């Protein structure tokens, strides 16, 4: 099956799209595509590429574990001990830190606290007041925008501004959608909530100067579900910065 590219360029088949191994290229094509069938093919190619990278990462991880096991046996160590050491070594380095290559910075947050003190429940839930009268329509528009931008990403299902964001993967997917070269999405671990929050917020702060880190990973991991008003406010700021940088073109800002 073929899809037409913008400007009457030569059509691309699903096989040719599958041969593209650059996420940024596929993302740009998806932004420009207007035909439904064309968008479907590009989204499928992007999902396959992300899955391929994740599978490759898992294979490499398995190979490293096997090497560690063999090294332990060659030194006369117990097989179980060698495997245990290998896993502990890997788990001590958060996946998000591997993706950035830098220590995870602590996010600046309105939930300020002194070192060693525990934030009170009231402080953790401190969020901006309700917005304008048409906030309901704006909220739905922004939710639909987030869902559309993260649609190709496996493991992301945005249905609201609270539970859908609790593991940090949705934040990472949204940031990665606009900055695919910032980190490797396919290696992220949905169980490492704090590292995912830190990766998303630090990347947004670095790539979008002026995008405030309104959310604190430490507070988010303490909550069963994030406060929707806090998430909604952060996404609004992220969207505003994208518009100001010319990365999103719109006449109406959510």
Protein backbone atom coordinates (compact mmCIF):
# COMPACT_ATOMS: atom_id res chain seq x y z
CA UNK A 1 0.00 0.00 0.00
CA UNK A 2 1.26 3.48 -0.84
CA UNK A 3 0.84 6.90 0.69
CA UNK A 4 1.28 10.28 -0.94
CA UNK A 5 3.84 12.65 0.51
CA UNK A 6 3.50 16.42 0.67
CA UNK A 7 3.99 18.47 -2.46
CA UNK A 8 3.39 15.65 -4.93
CA UNK A 9 6.65 13.88 -4.11
CA UNK A 10 7.12 10.23 -4.92
CA UNK A 11 4.79 8.00 -2.91
CA UNK A 12 6.16 5.82 -0.14
CA UNK A 13 5.15 2.24 0.53
CA UNK A 14 4.82 0.75 3.99
CA UNK A 15 8.06 -1.15 3.33
CA UNK A 16 9.91 2.08 2.52
CA UNK A 17 8.53 3.72 5.67
CA UNK A 18 9.67 0.72 7.70
CA UNK A 19 13.21 1.25 6.37
CA UNK A 20 13.38 4.72 7.98
CA UNK A 21 15.17 4.39 11.32
CA UNK A 22 15.07 8.04 12.35
CA UNK A 23 12.21 8.93 14.72
CA UNK A 24 12.55 12.65 13.98
CA UNK A 25 12.02 12.07 10.24
CA UNK A 26 8.87 10.04 10.88
CA UNK A 27 7.60 12.63 13.36
CA UNK A 28 8.05 15.41 10.79
CA UNK A 29 6.28 13.34 8.16
CA UNK A 30 3.40 12.72 10.56
CA UNK A 31 3.07 16.46 11.25
CA UNK A 32 2.87 17.25 7.53
CA UNK A 33 0.59 14.37 6.51
CA UNK A 34 -3.06 15.21 5.91
CA UNK A 35 -4.39 12.02 4.34
CA UNK A 36 -5.86 9.52 6.84
CA UNK A 37 -4.30 6.45 5.23
CA UNK A 38 -0.93 8.19 4.99
CA UNK A 39 -1.03 9.09 8.69
CA UNK A 40 -1.98 5.53 9.58
CA UNK A 41 1.04 4.13 7.73
CA UNK A 42 3.43 6.63 9.32
CA UNK A 43 2.08 5.97 12.82
CA UNK A 44 2.47 2.23 12.28
CA UNK A 45 6.07 2.72 11.10
CA UNK A 46 6.84 4.88 14.14
CA UNK A 47 5.36 2.32 16.54
CA UNK A 48 7.35 -0.47 14.88
CA UNK A 49 10.57 1.57 15.10
CA UNK A 50 10.09 2.25 18.82
CA UNK A 51 9.35 -1.43 19.44
CA UNK A 52 12.41 -2.48 17.41
CA UNK A 53 14.66 -0.22 19.49
CA UNK A 54 13.15 -1.48 22.73
CA UNK A 55 13.60 -5.13 21.70
CA UNK A 56 17.20 -4.45 20.72
CA UNK A 57 17.83 -2.85 24.09
CA UNK A 58 16.35 -5.87 25.89
CA UNK A 59 18.50 -8.20 23.82
CA UNK A 60 21.63 -6.23 24.69
CA UNK A 61 20.65 -6.28 28.36
CA UNK A 62 20.24 -10.06 28.22
CA UNK A 63 23.67 -10.40 26.61
CA UNK A 64 25.26 -8.34 29.38
CA UNK A 65 23.63 -10.50 32.03
CA UNK A 66 24.91 -13.64 30.29
CA UNK A 67 28.43 -12.19 30.18
CA UNK A 68 28.29 -11.37 33.89
CA UNK A 69 27.07 -14.89 34.64
CA UNK A 70 29.92 -16.43 32.67
CA UNK A 71 32.48 -14.15 34.33
CA UNK A 72 31.21 -15.21 37.75
CA UNK A 73 31.51 -18.91 36.85
CA UNK A 74 35.02 -18.49 35.44
CA UNK A 75 36.13 -16.96 38.75
CA UNK A 76 34.67 -19.81 40.76
CA UNK A 77 31.69 -17.84 42.05
CA UNK A 78 28.23 -19.27 42.55
CA UNK A 79 25.94 -18.90 39.50
CA UNK A 80 23.18 -17.33 41.55
CA UNK A 81 25.58 -14.80 43.03
CA UNK A 82 26.86 -13.71 39.62
CA UNK A 83 23.36 -13.08 38.32
CA UNK A 84 22.36 -11.23 41.47
CA UNK A 85 25.36 -8.89 41.23
CA UNK A 86 24.66 -8.18 37.57
CA UNK A 87 21.08 -7.22 38.22
CA UNK A 88 21.93 -5.06 41.18
CA UNK A 89 24.53 -3.20 39.13
CA UNK A 90 22.02 -2.49 36.40
CA UNK A 91 19.25 -1.43 38.75
CA UNK A 92 21.47 1.08 40.51
CA UNK A 93 21.56 3.22 37.37
CA UNK A 94 18.11 4.61 36.53
CA UNK A 95 17.11 4.17 32.91
CA UNK A 96 16.38 7.85 32.49
CA UNK A 97 19.92 8.73 33.51
CA UNK A 98 21.30 6.37 30.86
CA UNK A 99 19.19 8.14 28.25
CA UNK A 100 20.44 11.63 29.11
CA UNK A 101 23.99 10.74 30.01
CA UNK A 102 23.76 13.26 32.83
CA UNK A 103 22.81 13.08 36.50
CA UNK A 104 19.11 13.72 36.98
CA UNK A 105 18.74 17.35 38.09
CA UNK A 106 16.35 18.22 40.86
CA UNK A 107 13.38 20.12 39.51
CA UNK A 108 12.59 23.53 40.80
CA UNK A 109 9.05 23.48 42.18
CA UNK A 110 6.46 25.58 43.94
CA UNK A 111 6.32 22.69 46.44
CA UNK A 112 9.41 24.11 48.18
CA UNK A 113 10.81 22.54 51.33
CA UNK A 114 13.95 22.64 53.47
CA UNK A 115 16.51 19.84 53.31
CA UNK A 116 15.56 16.82 55.40
CA UNK A 117 12.03 18.04 56.11
CA UNK A 118 8.91 16.21 55.01
CA UNK A 119 6.38 18.18 52.96
CA UNK A 120 2.94 18.49 54.46
CA UNK A 121 -0.03 17.05 52.52
CA UNK A 122 -1.28 20.60 51.99
CA UNK A 123 2.03 21.67 50.43
CA UNK A 124 2.13 18.63 48.15
CA UNK A 125 -1.33 19.41 46.82
CA UNK A 126 -0.72 23.14 46.33
CA UNK A 127 -1.94 23.96 42.84
CA UNK A 128 -3.16 26.98 40.87
CA UNK A 129 -6.82 27.96 41.23
CA UNK A 130 -9.43 27.13 38.63
CA UNK A 131 -9.01 28.87 35.28
CA UNK A 132 -11.29 30.90 33.01
CA UNK A 133 -15.02 30.26 32.41
CA UNK A 134 -14.29 28.32 29.20
CA UNK A 135 -11.76 26.14 30.99
CA UNK A 136 -13.79 22.98 30.36
CA UNK A 137 -13.54 23.32 26.58
CA UNK A 138 -9.87 24.35 26.76
CA UNK A 139 -9.09 21.40 29.02
CA UNK A 140 -10.65 18.95 26.58
CA UNK A 141 -8.84 20.53 23.64
CA UNK A 142 -5.51 20.21 25.44
CA UNK A 143 -6.27 16.62 26.44
CA UNK A 144 -7.09 15.74 22.82
CA UNK A 145 -3.85 17.40 21.70
CA UNK A 146 -1.80 15.36 24.19
CA UNK A 147 -3.53 12.16 23.08
CA UNK A 148 -2.88 12.89 19.39
CA UNK A 149 0.79 13.71 19.92
CA UNK A 150 1.50 10.58 21.97
CA UNK A 151 -0.66 8.18 19.94
CA UNK A 152 2.28 6.31 18.31
CA UNK A 153 3.97 5.66 21.67
CA UNK A 154 3.47 2.24 23.19
CA UNK A 155 2.55 2.23 26.86
CA UNK A 156 0.83 5.63 26.71
CA UNK A 157 -2.94 5.94 27.00
CA UNK A 158 -3.95 9.48 27.95
CA UNK A 159 -7.53 9.60 29.21
CA UNK A 160 -7.23 12.32 31.84
CA UNK A 161 -4.80 14.71 33.54
CA UNK A 162 -4.27 12.51 36.60
CA UNK A 163 -3.86 8.71 36.54
CA UNK A 164 -2.73 8.67 32.90
CA UNK A 165 0.45 10.50 33.93
CA UNK A 166 1.34 8.71 37.18
CA UNK A 167 4.35 6.69 35.91
CA UNK A 168 5.96 9.60 34.02
CA UNK A 169 5.91 7.76 30.68
CA UNK A 170 3.24 10.06 29.21
CA UNK A 171 5.36 13.12 30.07
CA UNK A 172 8.40 11.48 28.44
CA UNK A 173 6.42 10.58 25.31
CA UNK A 174 5.06 14.12 24.93
CA UNK A 175 8.51 15.69 25.35
CA UNK A 176 10.12 13.07 23.07
CA UNK A 177 7.52 13.83 20.38
CA UNK A 178 9.06 17.28 19.93
CA UNK A 179 12.66 16.45 20.89
CA UNK A 180 13.30 12.88 19.64
CA UNK A 181 17.07 13.34 19.80
CA UNK A 182 17.05 14.29 23.50
CA UNK A 183 16.83 10.73 24.84
CA UNK A 184 16.04 7.15 23.83
CA UNK A 185 12.35 6.56 24.54
CA UNK A 186 12.46 2.82 23.86
CA UNK A 187 14.68 2.09 26.89
CA UNK A 188 12.50 3.81 29.48
CA UNK A 189 11.14 1.71 32.31
CA UNK A 190 7.52 2.45 33.36
CA UNK A 191 8.36 1.20 36.87
CA UNK A 192 10.96 3.93 37.42
CA UNK A 193 8.48 6.73 38.04
CA UNK A 194 10.83 9.26 39.60
CA UNK A 195 13.49 8.88 36.89
CA UNK A 196 10.86 9.30 34.17
CA UNK A 197 9.52 12.49 35.75
CA UNK A 198 13.03 13.88 36.14
CA UNK A 199 13.93 13.05 32.54
CA UNK A 200 10.82 14.67 31.07
CA UNK A 201 10.95 17.84 33.17
CA UNK A 202 14.71 18.39 32.83
CA UNK A 203 14.56 17.87 29.06
CA UNK A 204 11.66 20.32 28.70
CA UNK A 205 13.48 22.86 30.87
CA UNK A 206 16.70 22.46 28.86
CA UNK A 207 15.15 22.50 25.39
CA UNK A 208 12.45 25.08 26.15
CA UNK A 209 14.09 27.86 28.12
CA UNK A 210 11.40 29.46 30.22
CA UNK A 211 9.27 26.32 30.64
CA UNK A 212 8.93 26.26 34.44
CA UNK A 213 9.31 22.99 36.33
CA UNK A 214 5.98 23.30 38.13
CA UNK A 215 5.99 19.65 39.22
CA UNK A 216 8.35 17.98 41.66
CA UNK A 217 9.18 14.28 41.02
CA UNK A 218 9.58 13.70 44.77
CA UNK A 219 6.03 14.87 45.41
CA UNK A 220 4.58 13.03 42.44
CA UNK A 221 5.92 9.62 43.48
CA UNK A 222 4.37 10.08 46.95
CA UNK A 223 0.90 10.52 45.49
CA UNK A 224 -1.30 7.63 44.45
CA UNK A 225 -2.29 9.76 41.46
CA UNK A 226 -1.06 13.24 40.44
CA UNK A 227 -3.35 16.18 41.11
CA UNK A 228 -5.00 16.90 37.76
CA UNK A 229 -4.84 20.69 38.25
CA UNK A 230 -1.06 20.53 38.64
CA UNK A 231 -0.59 18.32 35.57
CA UNK A 232 -3.00 20.44 33.54
CA UNK A 233 -1.15 23.65 34.48
CA UNK A 234 2.22 22.15 33.56
CA UNK A 235 0.97 20.93 30.17
CA UNK A 236 -0.46 24.40 29.49
CA UNK A 237 2.97 25.93 30.14
CA UNK A 238 4.68 23.30 28.00
CA UNK A 239 2.25 24.01 25.16
CA UNK A 240 2.74 27.78 25.52
CA UNK A 241 6.51 27.42 25.26
CA UNK A 242 6.18 25.23 22.17
CA UNK A 243 4.03 27.90 20.53
CA UNK A 244 6.50 30.65 21.42
CA UNK A 245 9.36 28.58 19.96
CA UNK A 246 7.38 28.04 16.75
CA UNK A 247 7.23 24.26 17.28
CA UNK A 248 3.42 24.36 17.37
CA UNK A 249 1.46 26.58 15.05
CA UNK A 250 -2.00 27.56 16.19
CA UNK A 251 -4.29 30.56 16.39
CA UNK A 252 -5.81 29.49 19.68
CA UNK A 253 -3.75 28.46 22.65
CA UNK A 254 -5.18 26.00 25.16
